[in-house]
Amino acid sequence: MKYRTALIGLSWIAADPADSGSDPVVGTAVPGSHASAMAAIPDIEVVAGCDILATARDAFLERWTSQWPGLRMYRDYREMLAKERPDLVSVVTPDHLHAAPVLAAIEFGAKAIFCEKPLATTLDEADQVAHAVSASGVAMCVDYTRRWIPEFVEARRLVRSGAIGRLSQIVIHTGGPRAMLFRNHTHAIDLLSYFADGEPDWVMAELEQGFESYGTAYRGDGGGDPATEPGANYYVAFANGVRAYVTGMKDTVPELRVDLIGPDGRISLDVEGLRMITIKSEDLRTNPLVTRIEPITPAWTVAGIQAALQDLIAAVELGRPTASSPATARQAVAITQAILESQAQGNRPVRVARIAAAPQGGASPR
């Protein structure tokens, strides 16, 4: 079937065309925006878009009318949802403005919702969305894009296969000016849950200098100005025994490096690619350690946002969960909240809040 699709928010991550490929014969780069990914999926037909800025609406029309003739633009997303009744809704609003459009999409009968990360900037809103999605039966993905990037997917498969023994430690480095807790950091926080495959139990954290009194409530501007949000270092303990550490101050190199460590080796992922280092010996008293470094090349044909949208469509048609459901995305919100609370309590360990029970009779999306 064709999924009539509408976008709420038309910033660059929603609207940019795919970059050029190395040569026209190989096509384009992997689509990096919602619209460019949708254009690569024949089952998706974008019928409308919404933004409060006329310039964003005009730019979207100029870029995409040739792909989807008859595109209609709106300033008010509720008006758009009421008139268009789309099957699939993409929510691409600022970081702290995700919950209301998601709930509205459910209210107006969407079958599927693709939402930018984070799910929310408060636990109350995250719980409200998670309950509403569960009660309505709507399929939903939150755009933690690395869950559909081949190297990260393959690293998780290797861990689950026992290639390095039982996963014991996760170490992630992130940094640079955009290492903001609710912006780039939220990818690292989500990766902890993605690889640990367990419930986060407690957190101990330190915010960057100058943010010691930041408090426990979101004070950002939606993801624009790095000065409104802190970087952080934090230690996360999972109930299944996995322990994780993230170093992520802004005055460090802007890269993402992941090390997944077990008793038999380490899987490393960074700008140099994906590789597995295995270290084994039958008897340490008589035999030297045998070390093997193996570059890993994942197998894939679809990646990133395009793969996320195809995952979402499969969830609608097959009734299976998505790789980044509201329940898993809610864990990132809970860990983020615990990071703030740990700082506010003098960098002490803080328990991660579990999801509250749904209101009796089910959560209302209205």
Protein backbone atom coordinates (compact mmCIF):
# COMPACT_ATOMS: atom_id res chain seq x y z
CA MET A 1 0.00 0.00 0.00
CA LYS A 2 0.98 3.65 -0.33
CA TYR A 3 1.55 5.38 3.01
CA ARG A 4 0.24 8.93 2.84
CA THR A 5 2.85 10.80 4.86
CA ALA A 6 3.08 14.19 6.53
CA LEU A 7 6.05 15.92 8.18
CA ILE A 8 5.76 18.16 11.23
CA GLY A 9 8.82 20.42 11.17
CA LEU A 10 10.78 21.16 7.98
CA SER A 11 14.32 21.93 9.18
CA TRP A 12 17.37 20.51 7.42
CA ILE A 13 17.06 17.07 9.04
CA ALA A 14 13.54 16.87 7.62
CA ALA A 15 14.07 18.45 4.24
CA ASP A 16 17.61 18.23 2.83
CA PRO A 17 18.14 16.25 -0.41
CA ALA A 18 20.60 13.36 -0.34
CA ASP A 19 24.20 14.35 -1.01
CA SER A 20 25.77 13.45 -4.35
CA GLY A 21 27.49 10.12 -4.67
CA SER A 22 31.13 9.71 -5.62
CA ASP A 23 29.94 9.39 -9.21
CA PRO A 24 26.44 9.51 -10.74
CA VAL A 25 26.79 5.84 -11.68
CA VAL A 26 26.63 4.89 -7.96
CA GLY A 27 23.68 7.15 -7.20
CA THR A 28 23.64 9.35 -4.12
CA ALA A 29 25.04 9.14 -0.62
CA VAL A 30 22.91 7.35 1.97
CA PRO A 31 19.87 9.61 2.54
CA GLY A 32 20.46 11.75 5.62
CA SER A 33 17.10 13.48 6.03
CA HIS A 34 13.52 12.34 6.51
CA ALA A 35 12.37 13.52 3.08
CA SER A 36 15.37 12.11 1.19
CA ALA A 37 14.88 8.74 2.90
CA MET A 38 11.17 8.81 2.09
CA ALA A 39 11.95 9.55 -1.55
CA ALA A 40 13.93 6.30 -1.67
CA ILE A 41 10.94 4.22 -0.50
CA PRO A 42 8.30 3.63 -3.21
CA ASP A 43 5.60 2.87 -0.60
CA ILE A 44 5.81 6.40 0.85
CA GLU A 45 4.02 9.36 -0.69
CA VAL A 46 4.54 12.66 1.12
CA VAL A 47 1.32 14.66 0.85
CA ALA A 48 1.91 17.52 3.30
CA GLY A 49 4.36 19.35 5.50
CA CYS A 50 4.10 21.81 8.34
CA ASP A 51 6.37 24.47 9.80
CA ILE A 52 5.81 27.77 11.58
CA LEU A 53 8.36 29.41 9.26
CA ALA A 54 7.18 30.39 5.78
CA THR A 55 10.77 30.18 4.50
CA ALA A 56 10.96 26.50 5.55
CA ARG A 57 7.65 25.73 3.87
CA ASP A 58 8.71 27.46 0.66
CA ALA A 59 12.08 25.71 0.59
CA PHE A 60 10.44 22.31 1.10
CA LEU A 61 8.04 22.92 -1.80
CA GLU A 62 10.89 24.01 -4.06
CA ARG A 63 12.95 20.92 -3.26
CA TRP A 64 10.28 18.22 -3.25
CA THR A 65 7.28 19.16 -5.42
CA SER A 66 8.83 17.39 -8.39
CA GLN A 67 9.05 14.21 -6.31
CA TRP A 68 5.55 14.52 -4.84
CA PRO A 69 3.28 16.72 -7.01
CA GLY A 70 0.40 18.24 -5.10
CA LEU A 71 2.32 18.79 -1.87
CA ARG A 72 0.39 20.99 0.56
CA MET A 73 1.96 23.16 3.22
CA TYR A 74 0.54 24.14 6.63
CA ARG A 75 1.55 26.37 9.51
CA ASP A 76 -0.52 24.50 12.12
CA TYR A 77 0.11 20.77 12.54
CA ARG A 78 -3.29 20.03 14.05
CA GLU A 79 -4.99 21.60 11.03
CA MET A 80 -2.78 19.52 8.76
CA LEU A 81 -3.51 16.27 10.61
CA ALA A 82 -7.25 16.98 10.68
CA LYS A 83 -7.43 17.74 6.95
CA GLU A 84 -4.94 15.23 5.58
CA ARG A 85 -5.42 12.26 7.95
CA PRO A 86 -2.00 10.82 7.01
CA ASP A 87 -1.08 7.16 7.53
CA LEU A 88 2.48 8.01 8.57
CA VAL A 89 3.59 11.11 10.47
CA SER A 90 7.18 12.26 10.89
CA VAL A 91 7.78 14.52 13.91
CA VAL A 92 10.84 16.72 13.37
CA THR A 93 10.23 19.51 15.87
CA PRO A 94 12.83 20.88 18.37
CA ASP A 95 14.03 18.50 21.10
CA HIS A 96 11.55 19.62 23.77
CA LEU A 97 8.50 19.74 21.48
CA HIS A 98 8.01 16.11 20.44
CA ALA A 99 5.27 14.85 22.76
CA ALA A 100 2.34 17.03 21.68
CA PRO A 101 2.66 16.33 17.92
CA VAL A 102 3.05 12.58 18.58
CA LEU A 103 -0.12 12.55 20.71
CA ALA A 104 -1.94 14.57 18.04
CA ALA A 105 -0.87 12.11 15.33
CA ILE A 106 -2.39 9.30 17.40
CA GLU A 107 -5.55 11.34 17.94
CA PHE A 108 -6.03 11.89 14.21
CA GLY A 109 -5.61 8.23 13.29
CA ALA A 110 -2.01 7.79 12.13
CA LYS A 111 -0.94 4.16 11.68
CA ALA A 112 2.77 4.92 12.15
CA ILE A 113 4.89 7.67 13.72
CA PHE A 114 8.56 8.43 13.16
CA CYS A 115 9.87 10.84 15.81
CA GLU A 116 13.19 12.58 16.14
CA LYS A 117 15.21 11.92 19.26
CA PRO A 118 14.96 12.36 22.20
CA LEU A 119 11.49 10.97 22.81
CA ALA A 120 10.94 13.83 25.28
CA THR A 121 12.89 16.06 27.66
CA THR A 122 10.82 15.10 30.73
CA LEU A 123 9.96 11.70 32.15
CA ASP A 124 6.31 12.65 32.49
CA GLU A 125 6.04 13.35 28.75
CA ALA A 126 8.04 10.24 27.85
CA ASP A 127 5.72 8.08 29.96
CA GLN A 128 2.65 9.75 28.51
CA VAL A 129 3.81 9.04 24.95
CA ALA A 130 4.85 5.46 25.73
CA HIS A 131 1.47 4.72 27.32
CA ALA A 132 -0.49 6.39 24.52
CA VAL A 133 1.38 4.48 21.81
CA SER A 134 0.86 1.20 23.66
CA ALA A 135 -2.86 1.86 24.24
CA SER A 136 -3.51 2.89 20.63
CA GLY A 137 -1.52 0.16 18.91
CA VAL A 138 0.24 2.69 16.67
CA ALA A 139 3.66 1.65 15.38
CA MET A 140 6.41 4.08 16.33
CA CYS A 141 10.15 4.55 15.82
CA VAL A 142 12.33 7.12 17.58
CA ASP A 143 15.23 8.24 15.40
CA TYR A 144 18.21 6.86 17.25
CA THR A 145 19.75 6.41 13.83
CA ARG A 146 22.68 4.25 14.89
CA ARG A 147 20.26 1.40 15.55
CA TRP A 148 20.03 1.17 11.73
CA ILE A 149 23.67 1.92 10.83
CA PRO A 150 25.38 -1.29 9.67
CA GLU A 151 28.51 -1.09 11.85
CA PHE A 152 26.49 -0.62 15.04
CA VAL A 153 24.00 -3.33 14.07
CA GLU A 154 26.83 -5.78 13.33
CA ALA A 155 28.64 -4.90 16.57
CA ARG A 156 25.49 -5.75 18.52
CA ARG A 157 25.03 -8.99 16.59
CA LEU A 158 28.59 -10.01 17.44
CA VAL A 159 28.06 -9.24 21.13
CA ARG A 160 24.81 -11.23 21.19
CA SER A 161 26.53 -14.15 19.44
CA GLY A 162 29.05 -14.42 22.29
CA ALA A 163 32.02 -13.46 20.12
CA ILE A 164 33.76 -11.73 23.06
CA GLY A 165 32.11 -13.72 25.85
CA ARG A 166 29.56 -12.11 28.14
CA LEU A 167 29.51 -8.35 27.63
CA SER A 168 30.95 -6.80 30.77
CA GLN A 169 31.90 -3.19 30.02
CA ILE A 170 30.85 -0.47 27.56
CA VAL A 171 33.06 2.58 27.12
CA ILE A 172 31.91 5.42 24.85
CA HIS A 173 33.67 8.65 23.98
CA THR A 174 31.74 11.55 22.52
CA GLY A 175 32.71 15.20 22.49
CA GLY A 176 32.95 18.50 20.70
CA PRO A 177 30.83 21.65 20.94
CA ARG A 178 27.62 19.75 20.13
CA ALA A 179 28.14 17.26 22.97
CA MET A 180 24.96 18.53 24.62
CA LEU A 181 23.15 16.25 27.04
CA PHE A 182 19.79 16.22 25.25
CA ARG A 183 21.24 16.54 21.73
CA ASN A 184 24.35 14.52 20.72
CA HIS A 185 24.77 12.85 24.11
CA THR A 186 21.37 11.21 23.79
CA HIS A 187 22.75 9.02 20.97
CA ALA A 188 25.49 7.74 23.30
CA ILE A 189 22.98 7.21 26.11
CA ASP A 190 20.72 5.20 23.81
CA LEU A 191 23.66 3.10 22.61
CA LEU A 192 24.28 2.01 26.19
CA SER A 193 20.83 0.41 26.39
CA TYR A 194 21.13 -0.90 22.81
CA PHE A 195 24.30 -2.85 23.58
CA ALA A 196 23.66 -3.70 27.24
CA ASP A 197 20.31 -5.37 26.43
CA GLY A 198 19.07 -4.65 29.94
CA GLU A 199 17.35 -2.22 32.29
CA PRO A 200 19.48 0.69 33.57
CA ASP A 201 19.67 0.51 37.36
CA TRP A 202 21.67 3.48 38.66
CA VAL A 203 23.80 6.37 37.41
CA MET A 204 26.63 8.50 38.78
CA ALA A 205 27.45 11.65 36.82
CA GLU A 206 29.36 14.91 36.56
CA LEU A 207 28.31 17.81 34.33
CA GLU A 208 30.89 20.01 32.65
CA GLN A 209 32.30 22.99 34.52
CA GLY A 210 29.95 25.94 34.62
CA PHE A 211 26.85 23.71 34.81
CA GLU A 212 27.25 22.51 38.40
CA SER A 213 23.96 24.19 39.35
CA TYR A 214 22.09 23.34 36.15
CA GLY A 215 19.32 21.64 38.11
CA THR A 216 17.10 18.68 37.27
CA ALA A 217 14.85 20.22 34.58
CA TYR A 218 15.58 20.78 30.89
CA ARG A 219 16.81 24.32 30.26
CA GLY A 220 17.85 24.05 26.62
CA ASP A 221 16.51 25.89 23.60
CA GLY A 222 15.47 22.86 21.55
CA GLY A 223 18.94 21.88 20.41
CA GLY A 224 20.22 25.12 18.88
CA ASP A 225 22.72 26.76 21.24
CA PRO A 226 25.34 24.50 22.88
CA ALA A 227 25.70 27.02 25.72
CA THR A 228 22.23 26.10 27.00
CA GLU A 229 23.07 22.44 27.73
CA PRO A 230 25.96 20.69 29.48
CA GLY A 231 28.30 17.99 28.35
CA ALA A 232 28.88 15.27 30.92
CA ASN A 233 30.80 12.22 32.11
CA TYR A 234 28.70 9.42 33.60
CA TYR A 235 28.75 5.84 34.80
CA VAL A 236 25.69 3.66 34.22
CA ALA A 237 25.04 0.33 35.95
CA PHE A 238 22.60 -2.09 34.33
CA ALA A 239 20.56 -4.65 36.24
CA ASN A 240 22.07 -7.51 34.21
CA GLY A 241 25.59 -6.69 35.42
CA VAL A 242 26.83 -4.66 32.44
CA ARG A 243 28.70 -1.51 33.45
CA ALA A 244 29.11 1.49 31.15
CA TYR A 245 31.09 4.72 31.14
CA VAL A 246 30.66 7.70 28.82
CA THR A 247 33.18 10.51 28.58
CA GLY A 248 31.59 13.46 26.85
CA MET A 249 32.81 16.93 27.70
CA LYS A 250 32.66 19.60 24.99
CA ASP A 251 36.39 20.40 25.17
CA THR A 252 37.30 17.01 23.67
CA VAL A 253 37.61 15.81 20.09
CA PRO A 254 34.20 15.61 18.33
CA GLU A 255 34.10 11.91 17.58
CA LEU A 256 32.06 8.90 18.65
CA ARG A 257 34.07 5.88 19.75
CA VAL A 258 32.56 2.72 21.21
CA ASP A 259 34.38 -0.13 22.98
CA LEU A 260 32.44 -3.25 23.93
CA ILE A 261 34.48 -5.42 26.29
CA GLY A 262 34.11 -9.02 27.45
CA PRO A 263 36.41 -11.67 28.91
CA ASP A 264 37.46 -12.96 25.48
CA GLY A 265 38.00 -9.71 23.65
CA ARG A 266 36.89 -6.25 22.62
CA ILE A 267 34.81 -4.85 19.76
CA SER A 268 35.82 -1.32 18.79
CA LEU A 269 33.98 1.11 16.55
CA ASP A 270 35.30 4.55 15.60
CA VAL A 271 36.40 6.62 12.61
CA GLU A 272 38.75 3.78 11.60
CA GLY A 273 35.84 1.37 11.25
CA LEU A 274 34.66 -1.75 13.07
CA ARG A 275 37.08 -4.36 14.35
CA MET A 276 37.17 -7.18 16.88
CA ILE A 277 40.17 -7.90 19.06
CA THR A 278 40.05 -11.36 20.63
CA ILE A 279 42.48 -12.49 23.31
CA LYS A 280 42.51 -16.15 24.33
CA SER A 281 44.71 -18.68 26.09
CA GLU A 282 43.92 -22.19 27.27
CA ASP A 283 46.23 -21.88 30.25
CA LEU A 284 47.79 -18.57 31.26
CA ARG A 285 50.43 -20.38 33.36
CA THR A 286 52.02 -22.11 30.38
CA ASN A 287 50.72 -20.47 27.18
CA PRO A 288 51.07 -16.89 26.00
CA LEU A 289 47.99 -14.87 25.13
CA VAL A 290 46.89 -15.25 21.54
CA THR A 291 45.67 -11.93 20.14
CA ARG A 292 43.79 -11.56 16.88
CA ILE A 293 42.68 -8.25 15.34
CA GLU A 294 39.94 -8.77 12.78
CA PRO A 295 38.45 -5.96 10.66
CA ILE A 296 34.66 -6.41 10.37
CA THR A 297 32.75 -5.52 7.20
CA PRO A 298 28.98 -5.54 7.74
CA ALA A 299 26.60 -6.75 5.05
CA TRP A 300 23.87 -4.27 4.17
CA THR A 301 21.85 -2.59 1.43
CA VAL A 302 19.83 -0.04 3.43
CA ALA A 303 20.97 2.13 6.33
CA GLY A 304 20.10 5.04 8.58
CA ILE A 305 16.79 6.87 8.35
CA GLN A 306 15.72 4.92 5.27
CA ALA A 307 16.18 1.66 7.16
CA ALA A 308 14.33 3.13 10.16
CA LEU A 309 11.34 4.01 8.00
CA GLN A 310 11.32 0.56 6.42
CA ASP A 311 11.48 -0.90 9.93
CA LEU A 312 8.45 1.21 10.83
CA ILE A 313 6.48 0.05 7.78
CA ALA A 314 7.33 -3.58 8.60
CA ALA A 315 6.04 -2.99 12.14
CA VAL A 316 2.69 -1.84 10.71
CA GLU A 317 2.38 -4.70 8.25
CA LEU A 318 3.78 -7.54 10.35
CA GLY A 319 2.86 -6.41 13.85
CA ARG A 320 6.42 -6.68 15.11
CA PRO A 321 8.18 -4.17 17.40
CA THR A 322 10.52 -1.57 15.93
CA ALA A 323 14.23 -1.37 16.70
CA SER A 324 13.68 1.91 18.57
CA SER A 325 10.30 1.81 20.25
CA PRO A 326 9.00 4.44 22.70
CA ALA A 327 9.74 1.98 25.52
CA THR A 328 13.44 1.74 24.61
CA ALA A 329 13.68 5.48 23.86
CA ARG A 330 12.12 6.17 27.25
CA GLN A 331 15.18 4.52 28.86
CA ALA A 332 17.38 7.27 27.39
CA VAL A 333 15.13 9.91 28.95
CA ALA A 334 15.28 8.15 32.33
CA ILE A 335 19.09 7.89 32.23
CA THR A 336 19.36 11.56 31.24
CA GLN A 337 17.14 12.53 34.17
CA ALA A 338 19.29 10.45 36.52
CA ILE A 339 22.42 12.21 35.21
CA LEU A 340 20.95 15.58 36.18
CA GLU A 341 19.82 14.31 39.56
CA SER A 342 23.23 12.80 40.30
CA GLN A 343 24.92 16.15 39.68
CA ALA A 344 22.30 17.96 41.81
CA GLN A 345 22.93 15.51 44.67
CA GLY A 346 26.68 16.07 44.73
CA ASN A 347 27.61 13.49 42.06
CA ARG A 348 26.10 10.65 44.05
CA PRO A 349 24.67 7.42 42.57
CA VAL A 350 20.98 7.86 41.64
CA ARG A 351 18.44 5.16 40.81
CA VAL A 352 16.99 5.24 37.28
CA ALA A 353 13.22 5.66 37.30
CA ARG A 354 11.26 2.74 35.86
CA ILE A 355 8.23 3.44 33.74
CA ALA A 356 5.08 4.12 35.73
CA ALA A 357 1.98 1.97 35.29
CA ALA A 358 -0.52 3.18 32.72
CA PRO A 359 -3.58 4.96 34.06
CA GLN A 360 -6.47 2.57 34.73
CA GLY A 361 -8.37 1.96 31.52
CA GLY A 362 -5.32 2.74 29.37
CA ALA A 363 -3.63 5.99 28.45
CA SER A 364 -5.64 8.44 26.41
CA PRO A 365 -3.90 9.96 23.41
CA ARG A 366 -6.11 13.02 23.66
